[in-house]
PDB file of N, CA and C in Angstrom:
ATOM      1  N   ARG A   1      -1.725  -2.945  -8.547  1.00  0.00           N
ATOM      2  CA  ARG A   1      -3.121  -2.254  -9.063  1.00  0.00           C
ATOM      3  C   ARG A   1      -4.169  -3.097  -9.326  1.00  0.00           C
ATOM      4  N   LYS A   2      -4.112  -4.241 -10.361  1.00  0.00           N
ATOM      5  CA  LYS A   2      -5.204  -4.791 -11.245  1.00  0.00           C
ATOM      6  C   LYS A   2      -6.242  -5.122 -10.120  1.00  0.00           C
ATOM      7  N   LEU A   3      -5.603  -6.190  -8.864  1.00  0.00           N
ATOM      8  CA  LEU A   3      -6.083  -6.933  -8.271  1.00  0.00           C
ATOM      9  C   LEU A   3      -6.983  -6.345  -7.246  1.00  0.00           C
ATOM     10  N   MET A   4      -6.000  -4.677  -6.846  1.00  0.00           N
ATOM     11  CA  MET A   4      -7.005  -3.585  -6.223  1.00  0.00           C
ATOM     12  C   MET A   4      -7.878  -3.534  -6.789  1.00  0.00           C
ATOM     13  N   GLU A   5      -8.019  -2.964  -7.606  1.00  0.00           N
ATOM     14  CA  GLU A   5      -8.796  -2.560  -8.672  1.00  0.00           C
ATOM     15  C   GLU A   5      -9.722  -3.106  -8.867  1.00  0.00           C
ATOM     16  N   GLY A   6     -10.453  -4.498  -9.004  1.00  0.00           N
ATOM     17  CA  GLY A   6     -11.451  -5.622  -8.997  1.00  0.00           C
ATOM     18  C   GLY A   6     -11.918  -5.865  -7.409  1.00  0.00           C
ATOM     19  N   GLY A   7     -10.562  -5.575  -6.065  1.00  0.00           N
ATOM     20  CA  GLY A   7     -11.976  -5.763  -5.291  1.00  0.00           C
ATOM     21  C   GLY A   7     -11.139  -6.400  -4.676  1.00  0.00           C
ATOM     22  N   ASN A   8      -9.996  -7.582  -4.967  1.00  0.00           N
ATOM     23  CA  ASN A   8      -8.955  -9.019  -4.830  1.00  0.00           C
ATOM     24  C   ASN A   8      -8.417  -7.902  -3.798  1.00  0.00           C
ATOM     25  N   TYR A   9      -8.001  -7.597  -2.152  1.00  0.00           N
ATOM     26  CA  TYR A   9      -7.368  -6.970  -1.251  1.00  0.00           C
ATOM     27  C   TYR A   9      -6.460  -8.145  -0.756  1.00  0.00           C
ATOM     28  N   ALA A  10      -6.870  -8.689  -0.892  1.00  0.00           N
ATOM     29  CA  ALA A  10      -6.105  -9.765  -0.059  1.00  0.00           C
ATOM     30  C   ALA A  10      -4.852 -10.600  -0.789  1.00  0.00           C
ATOM     31  N   GLN A  11      -5.334 -10.355  -1.932  1.00  0.00           N
ATOM     32  CA  GLN A  11      -4.176 -11.021  -3.308  1.00  0.00           C
ATOM     33  C   GLN A  11      -3.425 -10.119  -3.356  1.00  0.00           C
ATOM     34  N   ALA A  12      -3.886  -8.812  -3.040  1.00  0.00           N
ATOM     35  CA  ALA A  12      -3.178  -7.895  -3.640  1.00  0.00           C
ATOM     36  C   ALA A  12      -2.009  -7.028  -2.007  1.00  0.00           C
ATOM     37  N   ARG A  13      -2.732  -7.416  -1.222  1.00  0.00           N
ATOM     38  CA  ARG A  13      -1.960  -7.224  -0.224  1.00  0.00           C
ATOM     39  C   ARG A  13      -0.620  -8.617   0.041  1.00  0.00           C
ATOM     40  N   THR A  14      -1.053  -9.761  -0.564  1.00  0.00           N
ATOM     41  CA  THR A  14       0.411 -10.216  -0.444  1.00  0.00           C
ATOM     42  C   THR A  14       0.897  -9.749  -1.518  1.00  0.00           C
ATOM     43  N   HIS A  15       0.846  -9.966  -2.528  1.00  0.00           N
ATOM     44  CA  HIS A  15       2.108  -9.231  -4.229  1.00  0.00           C
ATOM     45  C   HIS A  15       2.505  -7.887  -3.563  1.00  0.00           C
ATOM     46  N   LEU A  16       1.491  -6.684  -2.803  1.00  0.00           N
ATOM     47  CA  LEU A  16       2.188  -5.681  -2.843  1.00  0.00           C
ATOM     48  C   LEU A  16       3.205  -5.874  -1.449  1.00  0.00           C
ATOM     49  N   GLN A  17       2.952  -6.761  -0.442  1.00  0.00           N
ATOM     50  CA  GLN A  17       4.493  -6.731   0.492  1.00  0.00           C
ATOM     51  C   GLN A  17       5.481  -7.189  -0.068  1.00  0.00           C
ATOM     52  N   ALA A  18       5.560  -8.585  -0.844  1.00  0.00           N
ATOM     53  CA  ALA A  18       6.267  -9.030  -1.525  1.00  0.00           C
ATOM     54  C   ALA A  18       7.488  -7.781  -2.020  1.00  0.00           C
ATOM     55  N   ALA A  19       6.529  -7.159  -2.702  1.00  0.00           N
ATOM     56  CA  ALA A  19       7.530  -6.433  -3.750  1.00  0.00           C
ATOM     57  C   ALA A  19       7.891  -4.539  -2.946  1.00  0.00           C
ATOM     58  N   VAL A  20       7.254  -4.729  -2.142  1.00  0.00           N
ATOM     59  CA  VAL A  20       8.183  -3.756  -0.713  1.00  0.00           C
ATOM     60  C   VAL A  20       9.100  -3.982  -0.204  1.00  0.00           C
ATOM     61  N   GLN A  21       9.198  -5.721   0.794  1.00  0.00           N
ATOM     62  CA  GLN A  21       9.925  -6.246   0.297  1.00  0.00           C
ATOM     63  C   GLN A  21      10.927  -6.300  -0.435  1.00  0.00           C
ATOM     64  N   GLY A  22      10.878  -6.684  -1.295  1.00  0.00           N
ATOM     65  CA  GLY A  22      12.128  -6.232  -2.765  1.00  0.00           C
ATOM     66  C   GLY A  22      12.488  -4.630  -2.714  1.00  0.00           C
ATOM     67  N   GLY A  23      12.045  -3.715  -2.377  1.00  0.00           N
ATOM     68  CA  GLY A  23      12.253  -2.406  -2.561  1.00  0.00           C
ATOM     69  C   GLY A  23      11.256  -1.769  -3.571  1.00  0.00           C
ATOM     70  N   ASP A  24      10.276  -2.633  -3.664  1.00  0.00           N
ATOM     71  CA  ASP A  24       9.740  -0.939  -4.758  1.00  0.00           C
ATOM     72  C   ASP A  24       9.398  -0.256  -4.073  1.00  0.00           C
ATOM     73  N   GLY A  25       9.023   1.439  -4.025  1.00  0.00           N
ATOM     74  CA  GLY A  25       7.897   2.858  -4.440  1.00  0.00           C
ATOM     75  C   GLY A  25       7.329   2.619  -4.069  1.00  0.00           C
ATOM     76  N   PRO A  26       6.214   1.764  -5.537  1.00  0.00           N
ATOM     77  CA  PRO A  26       4.798   2.659  -5.771  1.00  0.00           C
ATOM     78  C   PRO A  26       4.483   1.646  -5.131  1.00  0.00           C
ATOM     79  N   SER A  27       4.842   0.525  -4.924  1.00  0.00           N
ATOM     80  CA  SER A  27       4.247  -0.584  -4.363  1.00  0.00           C
ATOM     81  C   SER A  27       4.004  -0.885  -2.821  1.00  0.00           C
ATOM     82  N   ALA A  28       5.018   0.034  -1.819  1.00  0.00           N
ATOM     83  CA  ALA A  28       4.881   0.597  -0.531  1.00  0.00           C
ATOM     84  C   ALA A  28       3.815   1.991  -0.740  1.00  0.00           C
ATOM     85  N   CYS A  29       3.169   2.387  -1.681  1.00  0.00           N
ATOM     86  CA  CYS A  29       2.217   3.707  -1.836  1.00  0.00           C
ATOM     87  C   CYS A  29       0.943   2.884  -1.901  1.00  0.00           C
ATOM     88  N   HIS A  30       0.571   1.525  -3.094  1.00  0.00           N
ATOM     89  CA  HIS A  30      -0.183   0.873  -2.532  1.00  0.00           C
ATOM     90  C   HIS A  30      -0.697  -0.008  -1.624  1.00  0.00           C
ATOM     91  N   LEU A  31       0.577   0.048  -0.700  1.00  0.00           N
ATOM     92  CA  LEU A  31       0.260  -0.523   0.783  1.00  0.00           C
ATOM     93  C   LEU A  31      -0.663   0.263   1.603  1.00  0.00           C
ATOM     94  N   GLY A  32       0.277   1.798   1.087  1.00  0.00           N
ATOM     95  CA  GLY A  32      -0.054   1.976   2.333  1.00  0.00           C
ATOM     96  C   GLY A  32      -1.561   2.568   2.415  1.00  0.00           C
ATOM     97  N   GLU A  33      -2.068   3.275   1.034  1.00  0.00           N
ATOM     98  CA  GLU A  33      -3.586   3.158   0.646  1.00  0.00           C
ATOM     99  C   GLU A  33      -4.835   1.783   1.373  1.00  0.00           C
ATOM    100  N   MET A  34      -3.714   0.658   1.100  1.00  0.00           N
ATOM    101  CA  MET A  34      -4.951   0.005   1.529  1.00  0.00           C
ATOM    102  C   MET A  34      -4.999   0.052   2.989  1.00  0.00           C
ATOM    103  N   THR A  35      -3.750   0.576   3.956  1.00  0.00           N
ATOM    104  CA  THR A  35      -3.863   0.557   5.317  1.00  0.00           C
ATOM    105  C   THR A  35      -4.048   0.910   6.185  1.00  0.00           C
ATOM    106  N   LEU A  36      -4.498   2.550   4.995  1.00  0.00           N
ATOM    107  CA  LEU A  36      -4.705   3.822   5.433  1.00  0.00           C
ATOM    108  C   LEU A  36      -6.443   3.387   5.370  1.00  0.00           C
ATOM    109  N   LYS A  37      -7.102   2.594   4.061  1.00  0.00           N
ATOM    110  CA  LYS A  37      -8.664   2.293   4.266  1.00  0.00           C
ATOM    111  C   LYS A  37      -8.941   0.438   4.925  1.00  0.00           C
ATOM    112  N   GLY A  38      -7.835  -0.025   5.512  1.00  0.00           N
ATOM    113  CA  GLY A  38      -8.191  -0.474   6.414  1.00  0.00           C
ATOM    114  C   GLY A  38      -8.735  -2.311   5.012  1.00  0.00           C
ATOM    115  N   GLN A  39      -8.004  -2.183   4.010  1.00  0.00           N
ATOM    116  CA  GLN A  39      -8.714  -3.434   3.195  1.00  0.00           C
ATOM    117  C   GLN A  39      -7.557  -4.209   3.160  1.00  0.00           C
ATOM    118  N   GLY A  40      -8.153  -5.243   2.662  1.00  0.00           N
ATOM    119  CA  GLY A  40      -7.465  -6.679   2.490  1.00  0.00           C
ATOM    120  C   GLY A  40      -6.725  -7.406   3.625  1.00  0.00           C
ATOM    121  N   GLY A  41      -7.083  -7.453   4.906  1.00  0.00           N
ATOM    122  CA  GLY A  41      -7.468  -8.194   6.253  1.00  0.00           C
ATOM    123  C   GLY A  41      -6.012  -7.074   7.645  1.00  0.00           C
ATOM    124  N   ILE A  42      -5.653  -6.120   6.004  1.00  0.00           N
ATOM    125  CA  ILE A  42      -5.387  -5.275   7.143  1.00  0.00           C
ATOM    126  C   ILE A  42      -6.131  -4.129   8.021  1.00  0.00           C
ATOM    127  N   ALA A  43      -5.584  -3.883   9.473  1.00  0.00           N
ATOM    128  CA  ALA A  43      -6.350  -2.902  10.346  1.00  0.00           C
ATOM    129  C   ALA A  43      -5.752  -1.869   9.626  1.00  0.00           C
ATOM    130  N   ALA A  44      -7.140  -0.536   9.979  1.00  0.00           N
ATOM    131  CA  ALA A  44      -6.952   0.503   9.425  1.00  0.00           C
ATOM    132  C   ALA A  44      -6.200   1.430  10.339  1.00  0.00           C
ATOM    133  N   SER A  45      -4.896   1.666   9.866  1.00  0.00           N
ATOM    134  CA  SER A  45      -3.640   2.873  10.636  1.00  0.00           C
ATOM    135  C   SER A  45      -3.459   3.896   9.375  1.00  0.00           C
ATOM    136  N   GLN A  46      -3.929   4.939  10.321  1.00  0.00           N
ATOM    137  CA  GLN A  46      -2.869   5.858   9.724  1.00  0.00           C
ATOM    138  C   GLN A  46      -2.001   6.215   9.702  1.00  0.00           C
ATOM    139  N   GLU A  47      -1.080   5.635  11.636  1.00  0.00           N
ATOM    140  CA  GLU A  47       0.360   5.174  11.485  1.00  0.00           C
ATOM    141  C   GLU A  47       1.316   4.734  10.810  1.00  0.00           C
ATOM    142  N   GLN A  48       0.045   3.462  10.211  1.00  0.00           N
ATOM    143  CA  GLN A  48       1.619   2.416   9.949  1.00  0.00           C
ATOM    144  C   GLN A  48       1.203   2.975   8.193  1.00  0.00           C
ATOM    145  N   ALA A  49      -0.049   3.219   7.515  1.00  0.00           N
ATOM    146  CA  ALA A  49       0.418   3.977   6.254  1.00  0.00           C
ATOM    147  C   ALA A  49       1.032   5.039   6.422  1.00  0.00           C
ATOM    148  N   ALA A  50       1.659   6.240   6.959  1.00  0.00           N
ATOM    149  CA  ALA A  50       1.994   6.899   7.222  1.00  0.00           C
ATOM    150  C   ALA A  50       3.412   6.161   6.669  1.00  0.00           C
ATOM    151  N   LYS A  51       4.364   5.405   7.155  1.00  0.00           N
ATOM    152  CA  LYS A  51       5.523   4.774   8.090  1.00  0.00           C
ATOM    153  C   LYS A  51       5.550   4.132   5.855  1.00  0.00           C
ATOM    154  N   LEU A  52       4.479   3.642   5.133  1.00  0.00           N
ATOM    155  CA  LEU A  52       4.455   3.029   4.221  1.00  0.00           C
ATOM    156  C   LEU A  52       4.859   4.252   3.157  1.00  0.00           C
ATOM    157  N   PHE A  53       3.977   5.574   2.997  1.00  0.00           N
ATOM    158  CA  PHE A  53       4.075   6.491   2.319  1.00  0.00           C
ATOM    159  C   PHE A  53       5.446   7.262   2.913  1.00  0.00           C
ATOM    160  N   GLN A  54       5.847   6.964   3.373  1.00  0.00           N
ATOM    161  CA  GLN A  54       7.626   7.582   4.119  1.00  0.00           C
ATOM    162  C   GLN A  54       8.725   6.561   3.616  1.00  0.00           C
ATOM    163  N   LEU A  55       8.399   5.270   3.909  1.00  0.00           N
ATOM    164  CA  LEU A  55       9.192   4.687   2.649  1.00  0.00           C
ATOM    165  C   LEU A  55       9.254   4.737   1.202  1.00  0.00           C
ATOM    166  N   ALA A  56       7.780   5.130   0.920  1.00  0.00           N
ATOM    167  CA  ALA A  56       8.171   4.925  -0.610  1.00  0.00           C
ATOM    168  C   ALA A  56       8.752   6.546  -1.343  1.00  0.00           C
ATOM    169  N   GLN A  57       8.389   7.103  -0.460  1.00  0.00           N
ATOM    170  CA  GLN A  57       9.163   8.647  -0.426  1.00  0.00           C
ATOM    171  C   GLN A  57      10.637   8.184  -0.697  1.00  0.00           C
ATOM    172  N   SER A  58      11.084   7.467   0.323  1.00  0.00           N
ATOM    173  CA  SER A  58      12.559   7.236   0.691  1.00  0.00           C
ATOM    174  C   SER A  58      13.283   6.606  -0.775  1.00  0.00           C
ATOM    175  N   ARG A  59      11.930   5.766  -1.526  1.00  0.00           N
ATOM    176  CA  ARG A  59      12.325   5.435  -2.184  1.00  0.00           C
ATOM    177  C   ARG A  59      12.669   6.102  -4.050  1.00  0.00           C
ATOM    178  N   GLY A  60      12.182   7.027  -3.833  1.00  0.00           N
ATOM    179  CA  GLY A  60      11.399   8.138  -4.943  1.00  0.00           C
ATOM    180  C   GLY A  60      10.658   8.251  -5.609  1.00  0.00           C
ATOM    181  N   SER A  61       9.653   7.461  -4.792  1.00  0.00           N
ATOM    182  CA  SER A  61       7.875   7.531  -5.171  1.00  0.00           C
ATOM    183  C   SER A  61       7.277   8.944  -3.962  1.00  0.00           C
ATOM    184  N   ILE A  62       6.218   9.030  -5.025  1.00  0.00           N
ATOM    185  CA  ILE A  62       5.209  10.453  -4.315  1.00  0.00           C
ATOM    186  C   ILE A  62       4.142   9.311  -4.020  1.00  0.00           C
ATOM    187  N   CYS A  63       3.019   9.426  -3.539  1.00  0.00           N
ATOM    188  CA  CYS A  63       1.884   8.739  -3.035  1.00  0.00           C
ATOM    189  C   CYS A  63       0.754   9.979  -2.259  1.00  0.00           C
ATOM    190  N   PHE A  64      -0.429   9.248  -3.761  1.00  0.00           N
ATOM    191  CA  PHE A  64      -1.313  10.204  -3.740  1.00  0.00           C
ATOM    192  C   PHE A  64      -2.790   9.095  -2.988  1.00  0.00           C
ATOM    193  N   ALA A  65      -2.745   9.165  -2.268  1.00  0.00           N
ATOM    194  CA  ALA A  65      -4.095   8.022  -1.417  1.00  0.00           C
ATOM    195  C   ALA A  65      -5.228   8.933  -2.126  1.00  0.00           C
ATOM    196  N   SER A  66      -6.506   8.014  -2.343  1.00  0.00           N
ATOM    197  CA  SER A  66      -7.004   7.839  -3.203  1.00  0.00           C
ATOM    198  C   SER A  66      -8.738   8.223  -2.228  1.00  0.00           C
ATOM    199  N   THR A  67      -9.392   8.802  -1.533  1.00  0.00           N
ATOM    200  CA  THR A  67     -10.760   8.915  -0.887  1.00  0.00           C
ATOM    201  C   THR A  67     -11.175   7.518  -0.918  1.00  0.00           C
ATOM    202  N   PRO A  68     -12.026   7.407   0.418  1.00  0.00           N
ATOM    203  CA  PRO A  68     -11.781   5.518   0.342  1.00  0.00           C
ATOM    204  C   PRO A  68     -13.733   5.665   0.184  1.00  0.00           C
TER     205      PRO A  68
END
């Protein structure tokens, strides 16, 4: 989250993707938010963000995306 707050979205994406692969729900929320906003080299996609938010929910995390 610190990388995202510092604006280093590309590096944050790398760490978040690894954490999501490892089963981390909150990381799926953060990656979903980045996907929703098109940050870190990720193309903005509501559909892909929704999939990540649903994945997070299936892992026990509830996501709240902030406004752009």
